[in-house]
Amino acid sequence: MKKWADKYVIGLTGSIGTGKSVVRRMLEHLGAYGIDADAITHRAISRDAPCFDEIVKTFGTHILTPEGQINRQKLGRIVFNDPEALSTLEAIIHPLVEQAVDLIIRRASQKVIVIEAIKLLESNLAKECDAVWAVYSPPEVQLSRLMHNRNMTEVEARQRMAAQVPQESRFAESAVVIKNSTTFDDTWKQVTSAWQRYVPAANTRPIPVSQPVKLSLGEVNIERAGPKHIDEIVEVLNRLKSTQNSETTTSSAITLGEKAYLILRIEQNPMGILAWQVENLVARTTEIALDSALPPAQFMPLMINEMEKASTDLQCEASLIFVPDQLAHHDVLWTGLGYEKRTPSSLEVLAWQEAAEESMPTGTTLFFKQLREDRVLRPI
């Protein structure tokens, strides 16, 4: 019997640096619930998670940082040079990751699930998927991404690539192969075509749209943006930034495979933009722009509440909002929404700290809110 009988589950796999996460986010834009199993693996080895003690006992305290966390780089250098050590580590981590994935899927209200996992086909998760999708990129593209996006040296990048199975070996077990080697638009076309062909229409659902609100300036709508809105988003951001002497936004910077966008409209006129992404059960709002004619206390909550509703639907544990300087001093606004001013290092959970550190733009202030008390991978 199918494990998740009420879901259609896509297993998304591919080698390091092929762009699996971009494809997963595209599927999320189409209505799927995305799970990054590799990010859950990172969570499973943190000090406040179940695998920590066994890994330290197995590999030794020399893999710890001065703060008492597992140094993933040190651990990686051990296991990626020793297949037996890698198998030992995976035997510790994989059962707990599979338990976490199962819990998340059962909680999800969405009918289409996409599980991103670099070793999907080597795990028990593969046999529970309705279809496997593989992402492919030429080796030279992989190498470039690892060196530029992950700051690996060429030696480190080639070592990681060599430690994995050949990309082509996944094709025979994959219903779909996405070639992510040229432009965002080309990849998006492949993903949408495969979605229309393989995903049962009965399992899809439109992304919910907020109900209009009548305020003194007219009817207000919060709209979830799609690919057709990219030019409009660019125009609005540049118009709203022009009074702040901020650098110009280009269409190449607006990739809907990276973030989701909300557009605040008053009588159909775009007056505000909010950009956020959900990774590893953490919502990260990285860009907020509001027309200077609009009172932030009245209009900002409309966008924040819509972002929170979408993030809660995605089972987020926490919301991080990186607020630009011109909006950060509205303390009553942020406390009224349940947020508190924090620094990344003051966040209690390592996954939240890492999310803040890697996402925080310069010239912003971090505001934090915990969205749910129960967390995946609490210590056993």
Protein backbone atom coordinates (compact mmCIF):
# COMPACT_ATOMS: atom_id res chain seq x y z
CA MET A 1 0.00 0.00 0.00
CA LYS A 2 1.20 3.49 -0.83
CA LYS A 3 2.66 5.19 2.24
CA TRP A 4 1.17 8.61 1.50
CA ALA A 5 -2.08 7.53 -0.14
CA ASP A 6 -3.58 11.01 -0.38
CA LYS A 7 -0.49 12.66 -1.90
CA TYR A 8 1.30 12.70 -5.24
CA VAL A 9 5.00 12.64 -4.35
CA ILE A 10 7.81 13.73 -6.67
CA GLY A 11 11.32 12.65 -5.70
CA LEU A 12 13.76 15.27 -7.00
CA THR A 13 17.40 14.28 -7.25
CA GLY A 14 20.63 15.19 -9.00
CA SER A 15 24.29 15.75 -8.24
CA ILE A 16 25.70 18.64 -6.26
CA GLY A 17 25.66 21.94 -8.14
CA THR A 18 23.05 20.94 -10.71
CA GLY A 19 20.37 23.34 -9.41
CA LYS A 20 17.94 20.97 -7.69
CA SER A 21 16.81 23.70 -5.30
CA VAL A 22 15.91 26.03 -8.17
CA VAL A 23 13.75 23.31 -9.73
CA ARG A 24 12.15 22.56 -6.34
CA ARG A 25 11.22 26.23 -5.92
CA MET A 26 9.73 26.26 -9.41
CA LEU A 27 7.55 23.30 -8.44
CA GLU A 28 6.54 25.18 -5.30
CA HIS A 29 5.41 28.09 -7.49
CA LEU A 30 3.22 25.62 -9.35
CA GLY A 31 1.58 24.53 -6.08
CA ALA A 32 3.74 21.71 -4.69
CA TYR A 33 4.94 21.50 -1.10
CA GLY A 34 8.73 21.33 -1.16
CA ILE A 35 10.94 19.45 1.30
CA ASP A 36 14.71 19.85 1.24
CA ALA A 37 15.85 16.54 2.72
CA ASP A 38 19.48 17.64 2.52
CA ALA A 39 18.72 20.68 4.70
CA ILE A 40 16.96 18.39 7.18
CA THR A 41 20.16 16.33 7.21
CA HIS A 42 22.07 19.44 8.28
CA ARG A 43 19.53 20.01 11.04
CA ALA A 44 19.87 16.42 12.23
CA ILE A 45 23.52 16.92 13.19
CA SER A 46 23.16 20.19 15.11
CA ARG A 47 23.68 20.24 18.86
CA ASP A 48 19.95 20.52 19.57
CA ALA A 49 19.02 17.57 17.33
CA PRO A 50 18.85 13.77 17.71
CA CYS A 51 21.95 12.66 15.75
CA PHE A 52 24.45 14.90 17.49
CA ASP A 53 25.63 12.66 20.33
CA GLU A 54 26.01 9.53 18.21
CA ILE A 55 28.00 11.35 15.52
CA VAL A 56 30.37 12.89 18.05
CA LYS A 57 30.78 9.50 19.75
CA THR A 58 31.53 7.87 16.36
CA PHE A 59 33.84 10.49 14.83
CA GLY A 60 35.34 12.18 17.88
CA THR A 61 35.20 15.57 19.58
CA HIS A 62 37.82 17.00 17.20
CA ILE A 63 35.01 17.60 14.67
CA LEU A 64 33.41 20.19 16.99
CA THR A 65 33.65 23.96 16.68
CA PRO A 66 34.65 26.10 19.69
CA GLU A 67 30.91 26.70 20.20
CA GLY A 68 30.28 22.96 20.49
CA GLN A 69 28.57 22.45 17.13
CA ILE A 70 29.66 19.86 14.55
CA ASN A 71 31.92 21.47 11.98
CA ARG A 72 30.37 20.25 8.72
CA GLN A 73 33.53 21.05 6.75
CA LYS A 74 35.68 18.89 9.04
CA LEU A 75 33.16 16.09 9.03
CA GLY A 76 32.86 16.37 5.24
CA ARG A 77 36.61 16.06 4.75
CA ILE A 78 36.53 12.81 6.73
CA VAL A 79 33.57 11.12 5.07
CA PHE A 80 34.11 12.26 1.49
CA ASN A 81 37.57 10.70 1.55
CA ASP A 82 36.38 7.45 3.13
CA PRO A 83 33.38 5.55 1.66
CA GLU A 84 33.07 3.41 4.78
CA ALA A 85 32.93 6.47 7.03
CA LEU A 86 30.32 8.02 4.73
CA SER A 87 28.18 4.87 4.97
CA THR A 88 28.49 4.94 8.78
CA LEU A 89 27.36 8.57 8.89
CA GLU A 90 24.44 7.93 6.56
CA ALA A 91 23.32 4.95 8.67
CA ILE A 92 23.05 7.31 11.64
CA ILE A 93 21.33 10.19 9.86
CA HIS A 94 19.07 8.72 7.17
CA PRO A 95 16.51 6.94 9.41
CA LEU A 96 15.87 10.14 11.36
CA VAL A 97 15.66 12.25 8.20
CA GLU A 98 13.12 9.80 6.77
CA GLN A 99 11.07 10.05 9.97
CA ALA A 100 11.12 13.86 9.73
CA VAL A 101 10.11 13.80 6.05
CA ASP A 102 7.24 11.44 6.85
CA LEU A 103 5.99 13.76 9.62
CA ILE A 104 6.15 16.83 7.37
CA ILE A 105 4.31 15.11 4.51
CA ARG A 106 1.53 13.87 6.78
CA ARG A 107 1.06 17.40 8.15
CA ALA A 108 1.03 19.06 4.72
CA SER A 109 -2.30 20.22 3.34
CA GLN A 110 -0.95 20.27 -0.22
CA LYS A 111 -1.64 17.24 -2.40
CA VAL A 112 1.59 17.42 -4.40
CA ILE A 113 4.86 16.96 -2.51
CA VAL A 114 8.39 17.33 -3.88
CA ILE A 115 11.26 15.80 -1.90
CA GLU A 116 14.67 17.14 -2.88
CA ALA A 117 17.46 14.73 -1.95
CA ILE A 118 20.90 14.25 -3.46
CA LYS A 119 20.85 10.55 -2.47
CA LEU A 120 17.19 9.91 -3.06
CA LEU A 121 17.73 6.76 -5.10
CA GLU A 122 20.02 5.30 -2.44
CA SER A 123 17.43 5.88 0.31
CA ASN A 124 14.14 4.28 1.30
CA LEU A 125 12.29 7.42 0.23
CA ALA A 126 12.61 6.64 -3.48
CA LYS A 127 10.26 3.68 -3.41
CA GLU A 128 7.57 5.82 -1.78
CA CYS A 129 7.63 8.42 -4.57
CA ASP A 130 5.12 8.40 -7.42
CA ALA A 131 7.76 9.70 -9.82
CA VAL A 132 11.46 10.55 -9.76
CA TRP A 133 12.72 13.71 -11.45
CA ALA A 134 16.44 14.19 -12.06
CA VAL A 135 18.22 17.51 -12.61
CA TYR A 136 21.28 17.51 -14.88
CA SER A 137 23.98 20.09 -15.53
CA PRO A 138 27.25 19.66 -17.47
CA PRO A 139 30.27 19.11 -15.19
CA GLU A 140 31.80 22.47 -16.10
CA VAL A 141 28.58 24.21 -14.98
CA GLN A 142 28.56 22.22 -11.74
CA LEU A 143 32.16 23.19 -11.04
CA SER A 144 31.52 26.87 -11.70
CA ARG A 145 28.46 26.93 -9.41
CA LEU A 146 30.27 25.19 -6.55
CA MET A 147 33.22 27.58 -6.75
CA HIS A 148 31.20 30.78 -7.15
CA ASN A 149 28.00 30.04 -5.20
CA ARG A 150 29.45 27.93 -2.38
CA ASN A 151 32.96 29.40 -2.23
CA MET A 152 34.64 26.01 -2.67
CA THR A 153 38.14 25.73 -4.02
CA GLU A 154 38.49 23.86 -7.30
CA VAL A 155 40.04 20.91 -5.42
CA GLU A 156 37.14 20.77 -2.93
CA ALA A 157 34.54 21.08 -5.69
CA ARG A 158 36.05 18.32 -7.80
CA GLN A 159 36.33 16.11 -4.70
CA ARG A 160 32.61 16.54 -3.96
CA MET A 161 31.69 15.85 -7.58
CA ALA A 162 33.90 12.75 -7.73
CA ALA A 163 32.33 11.36 -4.53
CA GLN A 164 28.95 11.05 -6.24
CA VAL A 165 27.56 8.62 -8.76
CA PRO A 166 27.70 9.65 -12.44
CA GLN A 167 24.80 11.94 -13.29
CA GLU A 168 23.64 9.75 -16.16
CA SER A 169 23.19 6.77 -13.82
CA ARG A 170 20.02 8.40 -12.45
CA PHE A 171 18.30 8.76 -15.81
CA ALA A 172 17.03 5.18 -16.14
CA GLU A 173 15.04 5.50 -12.90
CA SER A 174 13.73 8.99 -13.65
CA ALA A 175 10.43 9.83 -15.32
CA VAL A 176 11.67 13.37 -16.00
CA VAL A 177 15.15 14.78 -16.63
CA ILE A 178 15.46 18.56 -16.34
CA LYS A 179 18.52 20.01 -18.08
CA ASN A 180 19.43 23.05 -16.01
CA SER A 181 22.38 24.42 -17.94
CA THR A 182 21.32 27.57 -19.79
CA THR A 183 18.73 30.17 -18.75
CA PHE A 184 16.14 30.40 -16.00
CA ASP A 185 13.41 30.69 -18.65
CA ASP A 186 14.51 27.50 -20.38
CA THR A 187 14.47 25.55 -17.11
CA TRP A 188 11.09 27.02 -16.17
CA LYS A 189 9.62 25.87 -19.51
CA GLN A 190 10.90 22.33 -18.94
CA VAL A 191 9.48 22.22 -15.40
CA THR A 192 6.04 23.57 -16.36
CA SER A 193 5.83 21.18 -19.32
CA ALA A 194 6.69 18.18 -17.13
CA TRP A 195 4.23 19.36 -14.46
CA GLN A 196 1.39 19.56 -16.98
CA ARG A 197 2.26 16.16 -18.41
CA TYR A 198 2.87 14.10 -15.27
CA VAL A 199 1.16 15.70 -12.26
CA PRO A 200 -2.52 14.70 -11.97
CA ALA A 201 -4.65 17.81 -12.38
CA ALA A 202 -6.94 16.70 -9.57
CA ASN A 203 -4.06 17.02 -7.10
CA THR A 204 -3.13 20.60 -7.97
CA ARG A 205 -4.61 23.65 -6.35
CA PRO A 206 -4.26 27.35 -7.11
CA ILE A 207 -2.15 29.48 -4.82
CA PRO A 208 -4.64 31.28 -2.52
CA VAL A 209 -5.17 34.97 -3.12
CA SER A 210 -6.09 37.38 -0.34
CA GLN A 211 -9.53 38.96 -0.25
CA PRO A 212 -9.73 42.66 -1.14
CA VAL A 213 -9.70 45.11 1.78
CA LYS A 214 -11.49 48.46 1.65
CA LEU A 215 -9.38 51.27 3.10
CA SER A 216 -9.55 55.06 2.82
CA LEU A 217 -7.38 55.10 -0.32
CA GLY A 218 -9.54 52.52 -2.11
CA GLU A 219 -9.69 48.77 -2.59
CA VAL A 220 -6.47 47.04 -1.54
CA ASN A 221 -5.35 43.64 -2.86
CA ILE A 222 -2.32 41.52 -2.05
CA GLU A 223 -1.42 39.46 -5.11
CA ARG A 224 1.02 36.55 -5.36
CA ALA A 225 3.28 37.31 -8.31
CA GLY A 226 4.11 34.88 -11.12
CA PRO A 227 6.58 34.85 -14.01
CA LYS A 228 4.37 37.23 -16.01
CA HIS A 229 4.87 39.89 -13.32
CA ILE A 230 8.67 40.10 -13.49
CA ASP A 231 8.77 43.32 -15.54
CA GLU A 232 6.19 44.93 -13.27
CA ILE A 233 8.14 43.95 -10.14
CA VAL A 234 11.31 45.49 -11.61
CA GLU A 235 9.47 48.72 -12.45
CA VAL A 236 7.89 49.01 -9.00
CA LEU A 237 11.10 48.24 -7.11
CA ASN A 238 13.08 50.80 -9.11
CA ARG A 239 10.38 53.43 -8.65
CA LEU A 240 10.20 52.86 -4.89
CA LYS A 241 13.99 52.72 -4.55
CA SER A 242 14.59 55.91 -6.55
CA THR A 243 14.04 58.09 -3.47
CA GLN A 244 16.53 56.03 -1.45
CA ASN A 245 19.48 56.18 -3.89
CA SER A 246 19.50 52.37 -3.94
CA GLU A 247 21.02 50.44 -6.81
CA THR A 248 18.79 49.64 -9.76
CA THR A 249 17.04 46.29 -9.90
CA THR A 250 17.17 44.39 -13.21
CA SER A 251 14.98 41.61 -14.53
CA SER A 252 17.89 39.19 -14.16
CA ALA A 253 17.82 39.83 -10.39
CA ILE A 254 14.15 38.82 -10.16
CA THR A 255 14.22 35.04 -10.42
CA LEU A 256 11.00 33.45 -9.25
CA GLY A 257 12.93 30.25 -8.78
CA GLU A 258 14.65 31.90 -5.81
CA LYS A 259 11.93 33.92 -4.08
CA ALA A 260 8.20 34.45 -3.95
CA TYR A 261 6.82 37.96 -4.41
CA LEU A 262 3.72 39.73 -3.13
CA ILE A 263 2.41 42.86 -4.82
CA LEU A 264 0.30 45.32 -2.83
CA ARG A 265 -2.20 47.03 -5.13
CA ILE A 266 -4.49 49.97 -4.43
CA GLU A 267 -7.22 50.23 -7.05
CA GLN A 268 -4.99 47.96 -9.21
CA ASN A 269 -1.98 50.30 -8.90
CA PRO A 270 1.15 48.53 -7.55
CA MET A 271 2.26 50.35 -4.40
CA GLY A 272 4.32 47.80 -2.48
CA ILE A 273 6.49 44.70 -2.91
CA LEU A 274 7.49 41.97 -0.47
CA ALA A 275 9.94 39.21 -1.43
CA TRP A 276 10.49 36.13 0.71
CA GLN A 277 11.57 32.53 0.54
CA VAL A 278 11.00 29.45 2.65
CA GLU A 279 13.98 27.20 3.24
CA ASN A 280 14.41 24.52 5.90
CA LEU A 281 11.12 25.51 7.58
CA VAL A 282 12.29 29.12 8.01
CA ALA A 283 10.58 32.04 6.25
CA ARG A 284 13.03 34.77 5.23
CA THR A 285 11.67 38.12 4.06
CA THR A 286 14.61 39.72 2.29
CA GLU A 287 13.02 42.70 0.56
CA ILE A 288 10.23 45.10 1.49
CA ALA A 289 9.37 48.22 -0.48
CA LEU A 290 6.40 50.48 0.24
CA ASP A 291 5.35 53.69 -1.47
CA SER A 292 6.28 56.64 0.74
CA ALA A 293 2.71 57.98 0.47
CA LEU A 294 1.39 54.96 2.38
CA PRO A 295 1.44 54.84 6.20
CA PRO A 296 3.52 51.74 7.13
CA ALA A 297 1.40 51.03 10.21
CA GLN A 298 -1.68 50.64 8.02
CA PHE A 299 -0.31 48.85 4.97
CA MET A 300 2.71 46.87 6.11
CA PRO A 301 0.64 44.42 8.22
CA LEU A 302 -1.36 43.46 5.12
CA MET A 303 1.76 42.15 3.36
CA ILE A 304 3.29 40.63 6.51
CA ASN A 305 0.09 38.78 7.40
CA GLU A 306 -0.20 37.38 3.88
CA MET A 307 3.43 36.21 3.99
CA GLU A 308 2.83 34.59 7.39
CA LYS A 309 -0.30 32.78 6.20
CA ALA A 310 1.61 31.30 3.27
CA SER A 311 4.59 30.44 5.49
CA THR A 312 2.40 28.81 8.13
CA ASP A 313 0.77 26.74 5.39
CA LEU A 314 4.33 25.58 4.59
CA GLN A 315 4.83 24.53 8.25
CA CYS A 316 7.43 27.22 8.98
CA GLU A 317 8.80 27.30 12.50
CA ALA A 318 10.07 30.87 12.37
CA SER A 319 9.82 34.09 10.37
CA LEU A 320 12.85 36.30 9.82
CA ILE A 321 12.21 39.75 8.37
CA PHE A 322 15.18 41.86 7.27
CA VAL A 323 13.80 45.38 7.52
CA PRO A 324 15.39 48.31 5.63
CA ASP A 325 16.59 51.24 7.69
CA GLN A 326 13.71 53.55 6.71
CA LEU A 327 11.18 51.07 8.17
CA ALA A 328 13.16 49.59 11.08
CA HIS A 329 12.40 52.45 13.49
CA HIS A 330 8.65 51.72 13.48
CA ASP A 331 8.94 49.73 16.72
CA VAL A 332 5.22 49.80 17.51
CA LEU A 333 4.46 48.33 14.08
CA TRP A 334 6.81 45.35 14.49
CA THR A 335 6.00 44.59 18.12
CA GLY A 336 2.30 44.79 17.25
CA LEU A 337 2.88 42.10 14.64
CA GLY A 338 4.62 39.92 17.25
CA TYR A 339 8.22 40.52 16.10
CA GLU A 340 11.25 41.38 18.19
CA LYS A 341 14.52 42.94 17.13
CA ARG A 342 17.31 40.36 17.24
CA THR A 343 20.79 39.57 16.00
CA PRO A 344 21.50 36.28 14.18
CA SER A 345 23.74 35.01 16.99
CA SER A 346 20.95 35.50 19.56
CA LEU A 347 18.58 33.04 17.86
CA GLU A 348 18.16 29.86 19.88
CA VAL A 349 18.13 27.29 17.05
CA LEU A 350 21.17 26.75 14.84
CA ALA A 351 19.05 26.41 11.68
CA TRP A 352 17.52 29.83 12.43
CA GLN A 353 20.95 31.37 13.06
CA GLU A 354 22.32 30.00 9.79
CA ALA A 355 19.28 31.20 7.87
CA ALA A 356 19.75 34.72 9.27
CA GLU A 357 23.49 34.79 8.62
CA GLU A 358 23.26 33.63 5.02
CA SER A 359 20.22 35.71 4.04
CA MET A 360 20.61 39.07 5.85
CA PRO A 361 21.16 41.92 3.35
CA THR A 362 23.41 44.80 4.31
CA GLY A 363 21.67 47.87 5.70
CA THR A 364 18.83 45.90 7.31
CA THR A 365 17.67 45.04 10.84
CA LEU A 366 16.56 41.53 11.78
CA PHE A 367 13.09 41.10 13.29
CA PHE A 368 12.19 37.60 14.51
CA LYS A 369 8.96 35.75 15.27
CA GLN A 370 8.45 32.09 16.15
CA LEU A 371 5.47 30.76 14.19
CA ARG A 372 5.09 27.38 15.88
CA GLU A 373 6.25 25.80 19.12
CA ASP A 374 6.62 22.22 17.92
CA ARG A 375 9.77 21.77 15.87
CA VAL A 376 10.92 18.98 13.57
CA LEU A 377 13.98 17.08 14.88
CA ARG A 378 13.84 18.15 18.49
CA PRO A 379 16.26 16.17 20.67
CA ILE A 380 14.97 12.71 21.54
